[in-house]
Amino acid sequence: MVFNSFNFWLIFPAIFLLYWLIPSRFNRIRNIFLLVVSYLLYMNWKPAFAIVLLGVTLICYGGGCVMESQSMGKKKQILCWFFAILGLMPLLVFKYYNFLNDSLTTVLESVGMHFALPGLNWAIPVGISFFTFQAVGYVLDVYHERIPAERDIIDFSLFVSFFPQVTSGPISTAKELMPQIKQSHRFSYEQGRDGLKMLLWGMFLKVVIADRIGIYVDTVYANYIHYSGAVCLFASIMYTIQIYCDFAGYSLMAIGIARTLGFNLINNFERPYFAASVTEFWKRWHISLTRWLTTHIYINLGGNRCSKVRQYWNIIVTFLVSGFWHGAN
């Protein structure tokens, strides 16, 4: 359920009140409540999507438990690869099956062969890119012994499916979010006020700016051949504002909602268009994804602790993975 929908604003006050009405000493009940709410809100898109969310959760939870009992070595590395690939498999299937099937069909038809695999007619589960990377990131962190494996299935399930961030991020690490899940939160007026400010500012960026600009941009892009170069250029500049306000606004809404419930999520954007360099831009844009790619791809490839040629290769591979994450389109 999107945060800028009328239905969400009817439901969220009840979620807020019921959560804080549960005494802080019953943190377990609070977590179960949030887990149930997270799945119900997620199933509002399509109930079957919850099967994918649950599957990724169980795979990565089991992977963490299995790997923790192993000492660092070849066997543990193989297990890490196994559970990471297994956790990523739904993302790869849903985002690339139809693309590969259509490409294969086109190639075969070009040489006079007619063959096609059955199409995957399901829509892509909402937020699959975000909750998959968050869950697989946990597996990789356990492998590198940055964190211990989580044994509480309820807390881990909430970590993967926490409703403010499950559909559009930001991507949290277990090291920063899991302790908050286990902590008993007390209501803070200041935190609630700050959360509502972020929520309203995010709503303004998304609904008032991004959605309004989007009408103009979509109109020009859909019929660009009928517009002058100056109009197309202006629409492209407006698109940079639209995409920022859309994504940053929705991220701020997620951060604000979480803050009203006592949770602090990572800020996903830090005025990226004021960056002084391309490198600085990518440190300010979609910060949680950049951090994930840096930690689990770039650094593991050698980062900048190698020759310049190898460093440039590491950067190319990291951005290639980012491209795969965004999808075939």
C-alpha atoms as a PDB file:
ATOM      1  CA  MET A   1       0.000   0.000   0.000  1.00  0.00           C
ATOM      2  CA  VAL A   2       1.533   3.303  -1.066  1.00  0.00           C
ATOM      3  CA  PHE A   3       2.008   5.953   1.605  1.00  0.00           C
ATOM      4  CA  ASN A   4       0.390   8.721  -0.452  1.00  0.00           C
ATOM      5  CA  SER A   5      -2.872   6.785  -0.871  1.00  0.00           C
ATOM      6  CA  PHE A   6      -6.090   7.696   0.910  1.00  0.00           C
ATOM      7  CA  ASN A   7      -6.461   4.147   2.267  1.00  0.00           C
ATOM      8  CA  PHE A   8      -3.086   4.275   4.002  1.00  0.00           C
ATOM      9  CA  TRP A   9      -3.963   7.489   5.776  1.00  0.00           C
ATOM     10  CA  LEU A  10      -7.156   5.875   7.029  1.00  0.00           C
ATOM     11  CA  ILE A  11      -5.222   2.891   8.410  1.00  0.00           C
ATOM     12  CA  PHE A  12      -1.979   4.398   9.717  1.00  0.00           C
ATOM     13  CA  PRO A  13      -3.479   6.351  12.686  1.00  0.00           C
ATOM     14  CA  ALA A  14      -4.920   3.049  13.966  1.00  0.00           C
ATOM     15  CA  ILE A  15      -1.550   1.303  13.510  1.00  0.00           C
ATOM     16  CA  PHE A  16       0.172   4.164  15.351  1.00  0.00           C
ATOM     17  CA  LEU A  17      -2.281   4.137  18.276  1.00  0.00           C
ATOM     18  CA  LEU A  18      -2.399   0.349  18.680  1.00  0.00           C
ATOM     19  CA  TYR A  19       1.404   0.083  18.567  1.00  0.00           C
ATOM     20  CA  TRP A  20       1.942   2.669  21.304  1.00  0.00           C
ATOM     21  CA  LEU A  21      -0.950   1.335  23.400  1.00  0.00           C
ATOM     22  CA  ILE A  22       0.996  -1.929  23.845  1.00  0.00           C
ATOM     23  CA  PRO A  23       3.154  -1.413  26.968  1.00  0.00           C
ATOM     24  CA  SER A  24       6.877  -1.125  26.248  1.00  0.00           C
ATOM     25  CA  ARG A  25       7.642  -4.135  28.474  1.00  0.00           C
ATOM     26  CA  PHE A  26       5.766  -6.296  25.954  1.00  0.00           C
ATOM     27  CA  ASN A  27       8.220  -5.636  23.145  1.00  0.00           C
ATOM     28  CA  ARG A  28       7.700  -9.151  21.775  1.00  0.00           C
ATOM     29  CA  ILE A  29       3.998  -8.467  21.270  1.00  0.00           C
ATOM     30  CA  ARG A  30       4.834  -5.140  19.616  1.00  0.00           C
ATOM     31  CA  ASN A  31       7.132  -6.882  17.157  1.00  0.00           C
ATOM     32  CA  ILE A  32       4.514  -9.509  16.352  1.00  0.00           C
ATOM     33  CA  PHE A  33       1.987  -6.714  15.827  1.00  0.00           C
ATOM     34  CA  LEU A  34       4.338  -4.876  13.445  1.00  0.00           C
ATOM     35  CA  LEU A  35       5.120  -8.120  11.602  1.00  0.00           C
ATOM     36  CA  VAL A  36       1.426  -8.891  11.071  1.00  0.00           C
ATOM     37  CA  VAL A  37       0.744  -5.307   9.966  1.00  0.00           C
ATOM     38  CA  SER A  38       3.719  -5.402   7.589  1.00  0.00           C
ATOM     39  CA  TYR A  39       2.489  -8.587   5.895  1.00  0.00           C
ATOM     40  CA  LEU A  40      -1.122  -7.413   5.704  1.00  0.00           C
ATOM     41  CA  LEU A  41      -0.102  -4.116   4.116  1.00  0.00           C
ATOM     42  CA  TYR A  42       2.217  -5.934   1.732  1.00  0.00           C
ATOM     43  CA  MET A  43      -0.496  -8.432   0.784  1.00  0.00           C
ATOM     44  CA  ASN A  44      -2.736  -5.497  -0.091  1.00  0.00           C
ATOM     45  CA  TRP A  45      -0.830  -5.331  -3.395  1.00  0.00           C
ATOM     46  CA  LYS A  46      -1.336  -9.007  -4.180  1.00  0.00           C
ATOM     47  CA  PRO A  47      -1.538 -11.785  -1.555  1.00  0.00           C
ATOM     48  CA  ALA A  48       0.700 -14.141  -3.567  1.00  0.00           C
ATOM     49  CA  PHE A  49       3.563 -11.645  -3.312  1.00  0.00           C
ATOM     50  CA  ALA A  50       3.842 -12.475   0.387  1.00  0.00           C
ATOM     51  CA  ILE A  51       4.968 -16.008  -0.534  1.00  0.00           C
ATOM     52  CA  VAL A  52       8.060 -14.561  -2.242  1.00  0.00           C
ATOM     53  CA  LEU A  53       8.753 -12.259   0.714  1.00  0.00           C
ATOM     54  CA  LEU A  54       8.413 -15.164   3.154  1.00  0.00           C
ATOM     55  CA  GLY A  55      10.552 -17.439   0.977  1.00  0.00           C
ATOM     56  CA  VAL A  56      13.453 -14.961   0.791  1.00  0.00           C
ATOM     57  CA  THR A  57      13.143 -14.416   4.552  1.00  0.00           C
ATOM     58  CA  LEU A  58      13.326 -18.129   5.403  1.00  0.00           C
ATOM     59  CA  ILE A  59      16.209 -18.783   2.996  1.00  0.00           C
ATOM     60  CA  CYS A  60      18.353 -15.998   4.437  1.00  0.00           C
ATOM     61  CA  TYR A  61      17.386 -16.789   8.026  1.00  0.00           C
ATOM     62  CA  GLY A  62      18.383 -20.427   7.538  1.00  0.00           C
ATOM     63  CA  GLY A  63      21.562 -19.389   5.719  1.00  0.00           C
ATOM     64  CA  GLY A  64      22.664 -17.244   8.631  1.00  0.00           C
ATOM     65  CA  CYS A  65      22.039 -20.020  11.166  1.00  0.00           C
ATOM     66  CA  VAL A  66      23.876 -22.631   9.078  1.00  0.00           C
ATOM     67  CA  MET A  67      26.905 -20.438   8.369  1.00  0.00           C
ATOM     68  CA  GLU A  68      27.405 -19.325  11.955  1.00  0.00           C
ATOM     69  CA  SER A  69      28.177 -22.897  12.980  1.00  0.00           C
ATOM     70  CA  GLN A  70      30.968 -23.092  10.382  1.00  0.00           C
ATOM     71  CA  SER A  71      34.528 -21.824  10.795  1.00  0.00           C
ATOM     72  CA  MET A  72      35.894 -19.540   8.083  1.00  0.00           C
ATOM     73  CA  GLY A  73      37.036 -21.627   5.127  1.00  0.00           C
ATOM     74  CA  LYS A  74      36.068 -23.096   1.773  1.00  0.00           C
ATOM     75  CA  LYS A  75      32.941 -24.811   3.069  1.00  0.00           C
ATOM     76  CA  LYS A  76      31.606 -21.623   4.636  1.00  0.00           C
ATOM     77  CA  GLN A  77      32.351 -19.725   1.430  1.00  0.00           C
ATOM     78  CA  ILE A  78      30.417 -22.274  -0.627  1.00  0.00           C
ATOM     79  CA  LEU A  79      27.496 -22.029   1.800  1.00  0.00           C
ATOM     80  CA  CYS A  80      27.567 -18.247   1.535  1.00  0.00           C
ATOM     81  CA  TRP A  81      27.425 -18.404  -2.269  1.00  0.00           C
ATOM     82  CA  PHE A  82      24.649 -21.000  -2.113  1.00  0.00           C
ATOM     83  CA  PHE A  83      22.350 -19.034   0.197  1.00  0.00           C
ATOM     84  CA  ALA A  84      23.122 -15.683  -1.448  1.00  0.00           C
ATOM     85  CA  ILE A  85      22.281 -17.015  -4.924  1.00  0.00           C
ATOM     86  CA  LEU A  86      19.213 -18.817  -3.579  1.00  0.00           C
ATOM     87  CA  GLY A  87      18.051 -15.593  -1.921  1.00  0.00           C
ATOM     88  CA  LEU A  88      18.627 -13.610  -5.125  1.00  0.00           C
ATOM     89  CA  MET A  89      16.937 -16.193  -7.370  1.00  0.00           C
ATOM     90  CA  PRO A  90      13.375 -14.775  -7.093  1.00  0.00           C
ATOM     91  CA  LEU A  91      14.700 -11.314  -7.996  1.00  0.00           C
ATOM     92  CA  LEU A  92      16.528 -12.685 -11.049  1.00  0.00           C
ATOM     93  CA  VAL A  93      13.576 -14.793 -12.180  1.00  0.00           C
ATOM     94  CA  PHE A  94      10.950 -12.072 -11.881  1.00  0.00           C
ATOM     95  CA  LYS A  95      13.102  -9.334 -13.411  1.00  0.00           C
ATOM     96  CA  TYR A  96      14.812 -11.281 -16.173  1.00  0.00           C
ATOM     97  CA  TYR A  97      12.818 -14.368 -17.160  1.00  0.00           C
ATOM     98  CA  ASN A  98      10.557 -12.597 -19.661  1.00  0.00           C
ATOM     99  CA  PHE A  99      13.440 -10.469 -20.944  1.00  0.00           C
ATOM    100  CA  LEU A 100      15.606 -13.526 -21.640  1.00  0.00           C
ATOM    101  CA  ASN A 101      12.665 -15.469 -23.058  1.00  0.00           C
ATOM    102  CA  ASP A 102      11.748 -12.667 -25.475  1.00  0.00           C
ATOM    103  CA  SER A 103      15.397 -12.180 -26.478  1.00  0.00           C
ATOM    104  CA  LEU A 104      15.847 -15.904 -27.119  1.00  0.00           C
ATOM    105  CA  THR A 105      12.647 -16.039 -29.163  1.00  0.00           C
ATOM    106  CA  THR A 106      13.755 -13.054 -31.283  1.00  0.00           C
ATOM    107  CA  VAL A 107      17.183 -14.566 -31.960  1.00  0.00           C
ATOM    108  CA  LEU A 108      15.739 -17.952 -32.951  1.00  0.00           C
ATOM    109  CA  GLU A 109      13.127 -16.365 -35.203  1.00  0.00           C
ATOM    110  CA  SER A 110      15.879 -14.434 -36.996  1.00  0.00           C
ATOM    111  CA  VAL A 111      17.336 -17.774 -38.157  1.00  0.00           C
ATOM    112  CA  GLY A 112      13.991 -19.303 -39.042  1.00  0.00           C
ATOM    113  CA  MET A 113      13.367 -21.230 -35.806  1.00  0.00           C
ATOM    114  CA  HIS A 114      10.155 -20.818 -33.846  1.00  0.00           C
ATOM    115  CA  PHE A 115      10.480 -21.703 -30.187  1.00  0.00           C
ATOM    116  CA  ALA A 116       9.485 -19.938 -27.004  1.00  0.00           C
ATOM    117  CA  LEU A 117       9.295 -20.877 -23.354  1.00  0.00           C
ATOM    118  CA  PRO A 118       6.033 -20.211 -21.508  1.00  0.00           C
ATOM    119  CA  GLY A 119       5.776 -16.566 -20.463  1.00  0.00           C
ATOM    120  CA  LEU A 120       5.832 -15.486 -16.827  1.00  0.00           C
ATOM    121  CA  ASN A 121       2.565 -13.588 -16.600  1.00  0.00           C
ATOM    122  CA  TRP A 122       2.951 -12.535 -12.977  1.00  0.00           C
ATOM    123  CA  ALA A 123       3.702  -8.946 -12.117  1.00  0.00           C
ATOM    124  CA  ILE A 124       7.001  -8.357 -10.315  1.00  0.00           C
ATOM    125  CA  PRO A 125       6.443  -8.525  -6.530  1.00  0.00           C
ATOM    126  CA  VAL A 126       6.490  -5.024  -5.091  1.00  0.00           C
ATOM    127  CA  GLY A 127       9.773  -4.095  -3.407  1.00  0.00           C
ATOM    128  CA  ILE A 128      11.524  -7.334  -4.352  1.00  0.00           C
ATOM    129  CA  SER A 129      14.744  -5.469  -5.161  1.00  0.00           C
ATOM    130  CA  PHE A 130      14.795  -3.829  -1.737  1.00  0.00           C
ATOM    131  CA  PHE A 131      13.868  -6.659   0.614  1.00  0.00           C
ATOM    132  CA  THR A 132      16.028  -9.129  -1.339  1.00  0.00           C
ATOM    133  CA  PHE A 133      19.151  -6.968  -1.043  1.00  0.00           C
ATOM    134  CA  GLN A 134      18.426  -6.329   2.629  1.00  0.00           C
ATOM    135  CA  ALA A 135      18.054 -10.040   3.380  1.00  0.00           C
ATOM    136  CA  VAL A 136      21.038 -11.134   1.262  1.00  0.00           C
ATOM    137  CA  GLY A 137      23.124  -8.335   2.786  1.00  0.00           C
ATOM    138  CA  TYR A 138      22.434  -9.948   6.166  1.00  0.00           C
ATOM    139  CA  VAL A 139      23.729 -13.301   4.850  1.00  0.00           C
ATOM    140  CA  LEU A 140      26.924 -11.649   3.622  1.00  0.00           C
ATOM    141  CA  ASP A 141      27.391  -9.817   6.921  1.00  0.00           C
ATOM    142  CA  VAL A 142      27.075 -13.097   8.836  1.00  0.00           C
ATOM    143  CA  TYR A 143      29.604 -14.712   6.515  1.00  0.00           C
ATOM    144  CA  HIS A 144      32.126 -11.914   7.093  1.00  0.00           C
ATOM    145  CA  GLU A 145      31.365 -12.112  10.854  1.00  0.00           C
ATOM    146  CA  ARG A 146      30.289  -8.491  11.049  1.00  0.00           C
ATOM    147  CA  ILE A 147      27.228  -9.616  12.998  1.00  0.00           C
ATOM    148  CA  PRO A 148      26.094 -12.818  14.729  1.00  0.00           C
ATOM    149  CA  ALA A 149      23.335 -14.874  13.123  1.00  0.00           C
ATOM    150  CA  GLU A 150      19.856 -13.938  14.300  1.00  0.00           C
ATOM    151  CA  ARG A 151      18.062 -16.828  16.014  1.00  0.00           C
ATOM    152  CA  ASP A 152      14.695 -15.174  16.595  1.00  0.00           C
ATOM    153  CA  ILE A 153      12.616 -15.816  13.479  1.00  0.00           C
ATOM    154  CA  ILE A 154      10.031 -13.159  14.451  1.00  0.00           C
ATOM    155  CA  ASP A 155      12.621 -10.408  14.814  1.00  0.00           C
ATOM    156  CA  PHE A 156      14.387 -11.426  11.600  1.00  0.00           C
ATOM    157  CA  SER A 157      11.110 -11.561   9.655  1.00  0.00           C
ATOM    158  CA  LEU A 158      10.300  -8.059  10.879  1.00  0.00           C
ATOM    159  CA  PHE A 159      13.775  -6.915   9.840  1.00  0.00           C
ATOM    160  CA  VAL A 160      13.119  -8.055   6.252  1.00  0.00           C
ATOM    161  CA  SER A 161       9.449  -7.007   5.977  1.00  0.00           C
ATOM    162  CA  PHE A 162       9.232  -3.819   8.135  1.00  0.00           C
ATOM    163  CA  PHE A 163       6.413  -2.012   6.336  1.00  0.00           C
ATOM    164  CA  PRO A 164       7.813   1.545   6.091  1.00  0.00           C
ATOM    165  CA  GLN A 165      10.764   0.336   3.994  1.00  0.00           C
ATOM    166  CA  VAL A 166       9.851  -3.024   2.439  1.00  0.00           C
ATOM    167  CA  THR A 167       8.531  -1.624  -0.864  1.00  0.00           C
ATOM    168  CA  SER A 168      10.934   1.248  -1.619  1.00  0.00           C
ATOM    169  CA  GLY A 169      13.758   1.209   0.914  1.00  0.00           C
ATOM    170  CA  PRO A 170      15.944   2.518   2.316  1.00  0.00           C
ATOM    171  CA  ILE A 171      17.975  -0.699   2.527  1.00  0.00           C
ATOM    172  CA  SER A 172      18.967  -1.208   6.163  1.00  0.00           C
ATOM    173  CA  THR A 173      21.709  -3.374   7.604  1.00  0.00           C
ATOM    174  CA  ALA A 174      21.049  -5.861  10.374  1.00  0.00           C
ATOM    175  CA  LYS A 175      23.688  -4.110  12.469  1.00  0.00           C
ATOM    176  CA  GLU A 176      21.690  -0.872  12.573  1.00  0.00           C
ATOM    177  CA  LEU A 177      18.070  -2.106  12.486  1.00  0.00           C
ATOM    178  CA  MET A 178      18.100  -5.379  14.456  1.00  0.00           C
ATOM    179  CA  PRO A 179      19.107  -3.740  17.771  1.00  0.00           C
ATOM    180  CA  GLN A 180      16.222  -1.294  17.331  1.00  0.00           C
ATOM    181  CA  ILE A 181      13.814  -4.183  16.793  1.00  0.00           C
ATOM    182  CA  LYS A 182      14.965  -5.811  20.016  1.00  0.00           C
ATOM    183  CA  GLN A 183      14.893  -2.546  21.960  1.00  0.00           C
ATOM    184  CA  SER A 184      11.824  -1.495  23.937  1.00  0.00           C
ATOM    185  CA  HIS A 185      10.805   1.894  22.589  1.00  0.00           C
ATOM    186  CA  ARG A 186       9.161   4.589  24.681  1.00  0.00           C
ATOM    187  CA  PHE A 187       7.049   7.218  23.006  1.00  0.00           C
ATOM    188  CA  SER A 188       8.910  10.481  22.466  1.00  0.00           C
ATOM    189  CA  TYR A 189       7.051  13.636  21.496  1.00  0.00           C
ATOM    190  CA  GLU A 190      10.173  15.043  19.828  1.00  0.00           C
ATOM    191  CA  GLN A 191      10.729  11.902  17.785  1.00  0.00           C
ATOM    192  CA  GLY A 192       7.073  11.756  16.783  1.00  0.00           C
ATOM    193  CA  ARG A 193       7.125  15.423  15.786  1.00  0.00           C
ATOM    194  CA  ASP A 194      10.284  14.991  13.713  1.00  0.00           C
ATOM    195  CA  GLY A 195       8.810  11.909  12.074  1.00  0.00           C
ATOM    196  CA  LEU A 196       5.649  13.766  11.065  1.00  0.00           C
ATOM    197  CA  LYS A 197       7.725  16.653   9.685  1.00  0.00           C
ATOM    198  CA  MET A 198       9.698  14.214   7.509  1.00  0.00           C
ATOM    199  CA  LEU A 199       6.489  12.483   6.470  1.00  0.00           C
ATOM    200  CA  LEU A 200       4.805  15.726   5.413  1.00  0.00           C
ATOM    201  CA  TRP A 201       7.895  17.049   3.633  1.00  0.00           C
ATOM    202  CA  GLY A 202       8.248  13.754   1.795  1.00  0.00           C
ATOM    203  CA  MET A 203       4.562  13.905   0.856  1.00  0.00           C
ATOM    204  CA  PHE A 204       5.066  17.433  -0.496  1.00  0.00           C
ATOM    205  CA  LEU A 205       8.074  16.369  -2.613  1.00  0.00           C
ATOM    206  CA  LYS A 206       6.254  13.309  -3.978  1.00  0.00           C
ATOM    207  CA  VAL A 207       2.698  14.535  -4.513  1.00  0.00           C
ATOM    208  CA  VAL A 208       3.009  18.282  -5.054  1.00  0.00           C
ATOM    209  CA  ILE A 209       6.286  18.477  -6.988  1.00  0.00           C
ATOM    210  CA  ALA A 210       7.163  15.079  -8.534  1.00  0.00           C
ATOM    211  CA  ASP A 211       3.662  14.039  -9.573  1.00  0.00           C
ATOM    212  CA  ARG A 212       2.846  17.493 -11.042  1.00  0.00           C
ATOM    213  CA  ILE A 213       6.111  17.709 -12.997  1.00  0.00           C
ATOM    214  CA  GLY A 214       5.568  14.116 -14.122  1.00  0.00           C
ATOM    215  CA  ILE A 215       2.449  15.135 -16.063  1.00  0.00           C
ATOM    216  CA  TYR A 216       4.473  17.577 -18.177  1.00  0.00           C
ATOM    217  CA  VAL A 217       7.464  15.260 -18.601  1.00  0.00           C
ATOM    218  CA  ASP A 218       5.329  12.264 -19.604  1.00  0.00           C
ATOM    219  CA  THR A 219       3.426  14.381 -22.126  1.00  0.00           C
ATOM    220  CA  VAL A 220       6.629  15.554 -23.828  1.00  0.00           C
ATOM    221  CA  TYR A 221       8.423  12.211 -23.700  1.00  0.00           C
ATOM    222  CA  ALA A 222       5.413  10.346 -25.128  1.00  0.00           C
ATOM    223  CA  ASN A 223       5.342  12.635 -28.209  1.00  0.00           C
ATOM    224  CA  TYR A 224       8.851  14.085 -28.292  1.00  0.00           C
ATOM    225  CA  ILE A 225       8.965  14.058 -32.095  1.00  0.00           C
ATOM    226  CA  HIS A 226       6.300  16.786 -32.145  1.00  0.00           C
ATOM    227  CA  TYR A 227       8.188  19.133 -29.786  1.00  0.00           C
ATOM    228  CA  SER A 228      11.152  21.423 -30.360  1.00  0.00           C
ATOM    229  CA  GLY A 229      14.628  20.671 -29.034  1.00  0.00           C
ATOM    230  CA  ALA A 230      14.269  23.437 -26.436  1.00  0.00           C
ATOM    231  CA  VAL A 231      11.072  21.875 -25.065  1.00  0.00           C
ATOM    232  CA  CYS A 232      12.666  18.412 -24.939  1.00  0.00           C
ATOM    233  CA  LEU A 233      15.711  19.861 -23.163  1.00  0.00           C
ATOM    234  CA  PHE A 234      13.497  21.616 -20.615  1.00  0.00           C
ATOM    235  CA  ALA A 235      11.508  18.403 -20.073  1.00  0.00           C
ATOM    236  CA  SER A 236      14.766  16.518 -19.454  1.00  0.00           C
ATOM    237  CA  ILE A 237      15.835  19.088 -16.852  1.00  0.00           C
ATOM    238  CA  MET A 238      12.410  18.806 -15.231  1.00  0.00           C
ATOM    239  CA  TYR A 239      12.799  15.022 -15.217  1.00  0.00           C
ATOM    240  CA  THR A 240      15.921  15.300 -13.052  1.00  0.00           C
ATOM    241  CA  ILE A 241      13.828  17.220 -10.523  1.00  0.00           C
ATOM    242  CA  GLN A 242      10.942  14.789 -10.835  1.00  0.00           C
ATOM    243  CA  ILE A 243      13.008  11.649 -10.270  1.00  0.00           C
ATOM    244  CA  TYR A 244      14.735  13.191  -7.242  1.00  0.00           C
ATOM    245  CA  CYS A 245      11.538  14.483  -5.615  1.00  0.00           C
ATOM    246  CA  ASP A 246       9.743  11.213  -6.350  1.00  0.00           C
ATOM    247  CA  PHE A 247      12.368   8.901  -4.871  1.00  0.00           C
ATOM    248  CA  ALA A 248      13.690  11.172  -2.109  1.00  0.00           C
ATOM    249  CA  GLY A 249      10.143  12.128  -1.166  1.00  0.00           C
ATOM    250  CA  TYR A 250       9.002   8.531  -0.837  1.00  0.00           C
ATOM    251  CA  SER A 251      12.145   7.659   1.134  1.00  0.00           C
ATOM    252  CA  LEU A 252      11.489  10.565   3.503  1.00  0.00           C
ATOM    253  CA  MET A 253       7.936   9.327   4.005  1.00  0.00           C
ATOM    254  CA  ALA A 254       9.265   5.879   4.928  1.00  0.00           C
ATOM    255  CA  ILE A 255      11.846   7.370   7.304  1.00  0.00           C
ATOM    256  CA  GLY A 256       9.202   9.617   8.871  1.00  0.00           C
ATOM    257  CA  ILE A 257       6.698   6.780   9.419  1.00  0.00           C
ATOM    258  CA  ALA A 258       9.406   4.638  11.006  1.00  0.00           C
ATOM    259  CA  ARG A 259      10.464   7.568  13.204  1.00  0.00           C
ATOM    260  CA  THR A 260       6.916   7.985  14.583  1.00  0.00           C
ATOM    261  CA  LEU A 261       7.146   4.325  15.695  1.00  0.00           C
ATOM    262  CA  GLY A 262      10.515   4.845  17.390  1.00  0.00           C
ATOM    263  CA  PHE A 263      12.804   3.539  14.617  1.00  0.00           C
ATOM    264  CA  ASN A 264      15.627   5.447  12.940  1.00  0.00           C
ATOM    265  CA  LEU A 265      16.299   4.520   9.312  1.00  0.00           C
ATOM    266  CA  ILE A 266      19.255   5.702   7.234  1.00  0.00           C
ATOM    267  CA  ASN A 267      18.759   8.921   5.263  1.00  0.00           C
ATOM    268  CA  ASN A 268      18.695   7.900   1.604  1.00  0.00           C
ATOM    269  CA  PHE A 269      19.456  11.262  -0.036  1.00  0.00           C
ATOM    270  CA  GLU A 270      21.748  14.090   1.030  1.00  0.00           C
ATOM    271  CA  ARG A 271      21.200  16.961  -1.456  1.00  0.00           C
ATOM    272  CA  PRO A 272      22.876  15.036  -4.319  1.00  0.00           C
ATOM    273  CA  TYR A 273      22.527  17.815  -6.914  1.00  0.00           C
ATOM    274  CA  PHE A 274      24.774  20.011  -4.759  1.00  0.00           C
ATOM    275  CA  ALA A 275      27.616  17.484  -5.042  1.00  0.00           C
ATOM    276  CA  ALA A 276      30.942  18.866  -6.255  1.00  0.00           C
ATOM    277  CA  SER A 277      31.950  15.725  -8.174  1.00  0.00           C
ATOM    278  CA  VAL A 278      30.532  12.537  -9.669  1.00  0.00           C
ATOM    279  CA  THR A 279      32.048  10.510  -6.823  1.00  0.00           C
ATOM    280  CA  GLU A 280      30.410  12.756  -4.240  1.00  0.00           C
ATOM    281  CA  PHE A 281      27.107  12.571  -6.119  1.00  0.00           C
ATOM    282  CA  TRP A 282      26.978   8.789  -5.768  1.00  0.00           C
ATOM    283  CA  LYS A 283      27.713   9.128  -2.057  1.00  0.00           C
ATOM    284  CA  ARG A 284      24.650  11.356  -1.725  1.00  0.00           C
ATOM    285  CA  TRP A 285      22.212   9.623  -4.123  1.00  0.00           C
ATOM    286  CA  HIS A 286      20.371   6.483  -2.944  1.00  0.00           C
ATOM    287  CA  ILE A 287      22.845   6.225  -0.074  1.00  0.00           C
ATOM    288  CA  SER A 288      21.633   2.866   1.222  1.00  0.00           C
ATOM    289  CA  LEU A 289      22.058   1.152  -2.172  1.00  0.00           C
ATOM    290  CA  THR A 290      25.461   2.766  -2.730  1.00  0.00           C
ATOM    291  CA  ARG A 291      26.516   1.549   0.716  1.00  0.00           C
ATOM    292  CA  TRP A 292      25.312  -1.998  -0.063  1.00  0.00           C
ATOM    293  CA  LEU A 293      27.173  -2.088  -3.378  1.00  0.00           C
ATOM    294  CA  THR A 294      30.301  -0.594  -1.851  1.00  0.00           C
ATOM    295  CA  THR A 295      30.340  -3.007   1.092  1.00  0.00           C
ATOM    296  CA  HIS A 296      29.416  -6.240  -0.662  1.00  0.00           C
ATOM    297  CA  ILE A 297      30.712  -5.745  -4.218  1.00  0.00           C
ATOM    298  CA  TYR A 298      33.317  -2.989  -4.569  1.00  0.00           C
ATOM    299  CA  ILE A 299      35.325  -3.654  -1.389  1.00  0.00           C
ATOM    300  CA  ASN A 300      35.198  -7.433  -1.830  1.00  0.00           C
ATOM    301  CA  LEU A 301      36.619  -7.016  -5.351  1.00  0.00           C
ATOM    302  CA  GLY A 302      39.551  -5.094  -3.905  1.00  0.00           C
ATOM    303  CA  GLY A 303      38.137  -1.571  -3.865  1.00  0.00           C
ATOM    304  CA  ASN A 304      40.873   1.014  -4.324  1.00  0.00           C
ATOM    305  CA  ARG A 305      43.521  -1.119  -2.604  1.00  0.00           C
ATOM    306  CA  CYS A 306      44.963  -2.194  -5.951  1.00  0.00           C
ATOM    307  CA  SER A 307      46.254  -0.834  -9.256  1.00  0.00           C
ATOM    308  CA  LYS A 308      44.335   1.915 -11.063  1.00  0.00           C
ATOM    309  CA  VAL A 309      43.324  -0.437 -13.860  1.00  0.00           C
ATOM    310  CA  ARG A 310      41.935  -2.959 -11.372  1.00  0.00           C
ATOM    311  CA  GLN A 311      40.209  -0.182  -9.424  1.00  0.00           C
ATOM    312  CA  TYR A 312      38.430   1.025 -12.570  1.00  0.00           C
ATOM    313  CA  TRP A 313      37.402  -2.562 -13.284  1.00  0.00           C
ATOM    314  CA  ASN A 314      35.970  -2.843  -9.762  1.00  0.00           C
ATOM    315  CA  ILE A 315      33.950   0.325 -10.337  1.00  0.00           C
ATOM    316  CA  ILE A 316      32.606  -0.973 -13.673  1.00  0.00           C
ATOM    317  CA  VAL A 317      31.554  -4.301 -12.123  1.00  0.00           C
ATOM    318  CA  THR A 318      29.889  -2.507  -9.199  1.00  0.00           C
ATOM    319  CA  PHE A 319      27.840  -0.312 -11.517  1.00  0.00           C
ATOM    320  CA  LEU A 320      27.011  -3.333 -13.671  1.00  0.00           C
ATOM    321  CA  VAL A 321      25.528  -5.045 -10.606  1.00  0.00           C
ATOM    322  CA  SER A 322      23.608  -1.827  -9.917  1.00  0.00           C
ATOM    323  CA  GLY A 323      22.242  -2.009 -13.449  1.00  0.00           C
ATOM    324  CA  PHE A 324      21.163  -5.624 -12.984  1.00  0.00           C
ATOM    325  CA  TRP A 325      19.466  -4.606  -9.720  1.00  0.00           C
ATOM    326  CA  HIS A 326      17.410  -1.935 -11.495  1.00  0.00           C
ATOM    327  CA  GLY A 327      16.156  -4.414 -14.105  1.00  0.00           C
ATOM    328  CA  ALA A 328      16.281  -5.255 -17.815  1.00  0.00           C
ATOM    329  CA  ASN A 329      14.442  -2.113 -18.913  1.00  0.00           C
END
